[in-house]
Protein backbone atom coordinates (compact mmCIF):
# COMPACT_ATOMS: atom_id res chain seq x y z
CA MET A 1 -93.85 -89.63 -151.36
CA LYS A 2 -90.35 -89.48 -149.91
CA ILE A 3 -91.53 -90.64 -146.50
CA ALA A 4 -93.60 -93.43 -148.06
CA LEU A 5 -90.54 -94.73 -149.90
CA TYR A 6 -88.54 -94.86 -146.68
CA ILE A 7 -91.41 -96.65 -144.92
CA ILE A 8 -91.62 -99.23 -147.71
CA LEU A 9 -87.85 -99.65 -147.60
CA GLY A 10 -87.95 -100.20 -143.84
CA LEU A 11 -90.81 -102.70 -144.02
CA ALA A 12 -89.10 -104.65 -146.79
CA SER A 13 -85.89 -104.75 -144.76
CA ALA A 14 -87.75 -105.95 -141.67
CA LEU A 15 -89.51 -108.67 -143.68
CA LEU A 16 -86.18 -109.67 -145.18
CA ILE A 17 -84.63 -110.17 -141.75
CA PHE A 18 -87.72 -112.03 -140.52
CA ASN A 19 -87.70 -114.38 -143.50
CA LEU A 20 -83.98 -115.04 -143.16
CA THR A 21 -84.72 -116.51 -139.73
CA LYS A 22 -87.31 -118.87 -141.25
CA ILE A 23 -84.86 -120.58 -143.59
CA ASP A 24 -83.39 -123.93 -142.57
CA TYR A 25 -79.88 -123.55 -143.99
CA SER A 26 -79.19 -127.30 -143.98
CA ALA A 27 -82.06 -127.80 -146.47
CA PRO A 28 -83.11 -124.40 -147.86
CA PHE A 29 -85.22 -125.75 -150.73
CA GLU A 30 -87.43 -128.13 -148.77
CA GLY A 31 -90.68 -127.56 -146.89
CA ASN A 32 -91.26 -124.21 -145.18
CA SER A 33 -87.72 -123.10 -145.98
CA MET A 34 -88.73 -122.74 -149.61
CA VAL A 35 -91.35 -120.17 -148.60
CA GLY A 36 -88.65 -118.29 -146.72
CA VAL A 37 -86.32 -118.33 -149.72
CA ILE A 38 -89.05 -117.06 -152.04
CA SER A 39 -89.95 -114.33 -149.54
CA VAL A 40 -86.32 -113.25 -149.23
CA ILE A 41 -86.06 -112.97 -153.01
CA ALA A 42 -89.30 -110.95 -153.12
CA CYS A 43 -88.04 -108.60 -150.40
CA LEU A 44 -84.76 -108.08 -152.23
CA CYS A 45 -86.70 -107.24 -155.42
CA ALA A 46 -88.85 -104.73 -153.53
CA ILE A 47 -85.78 -103.08 -151.99
CA LEU A 48 -84.09 -102.90 -155.40
CA LEU A 49 -87.17 -101.34 -157.02
CA VAL A 50 -87.49 -98.70 -154.28
CA VAL A 51 -83.80 -97.81 -154.55
CA ILE A 52 -84.11 -97.49 -158.35
CA LEU A 53 -87.16 -95.24 -157.89
CA MET A 54 -85.30 -93.04 -155.40
CA ILE A 55 -82.31 -92.68 -157.74
CA SER A 56 -84.52 -91.89 -160.73
CA ARG A 57 -86.34 -89.18 -158.76
CA LYS A 58 -82.99 -87.59 -157.85
CA ILE A 59 -81.96 -87.66 -161.51
CA ALA A 60 -85.27 -86.05 -162.52
CA VAL A 61 -84.75 -83.22 -160.01
CA LYS A 62 -81.22 -82.56 -161.32
CA ASN A 63 -82.48 -82.65 -164.89
CA LYS A 64 -85.14 -80.03 -164.09
CA GLU A 65 -82.51 -77.81 -162.46
CA LEU A 66 -80.33 -77.99 -165.57
CA LYS A 67 -83.25 -77.08 -167.84
CA ARG A 68 -84.15 -74.05 -165.71
CA LYS A 69 -80.60 -72.70 -165.75
CA PRO A 70 -80.16 -69.98 -168.39
CA LYS A 71 -77.55 -70.72 -171.01
CA ASN A 72 -74.48 -68.50 -170.94
CA GLN A 73 -73.87 -67.15 -174.42
């Protein structure tokens, strides 16, 4: 799963860069530039979701470690 997350992150980053080149910055909300803008927003959402998933998995691992630790009494 860890490798798959990094692959998805890399693909989303590559698509983000590709779509940034498709935007006409003089008129970003007209014609084919609008498709580029929407694609950039979608790529940013995908990257954000993958990063949130990676952070939540790290928190879950730390939480399991704390539960396994015997309490000192």
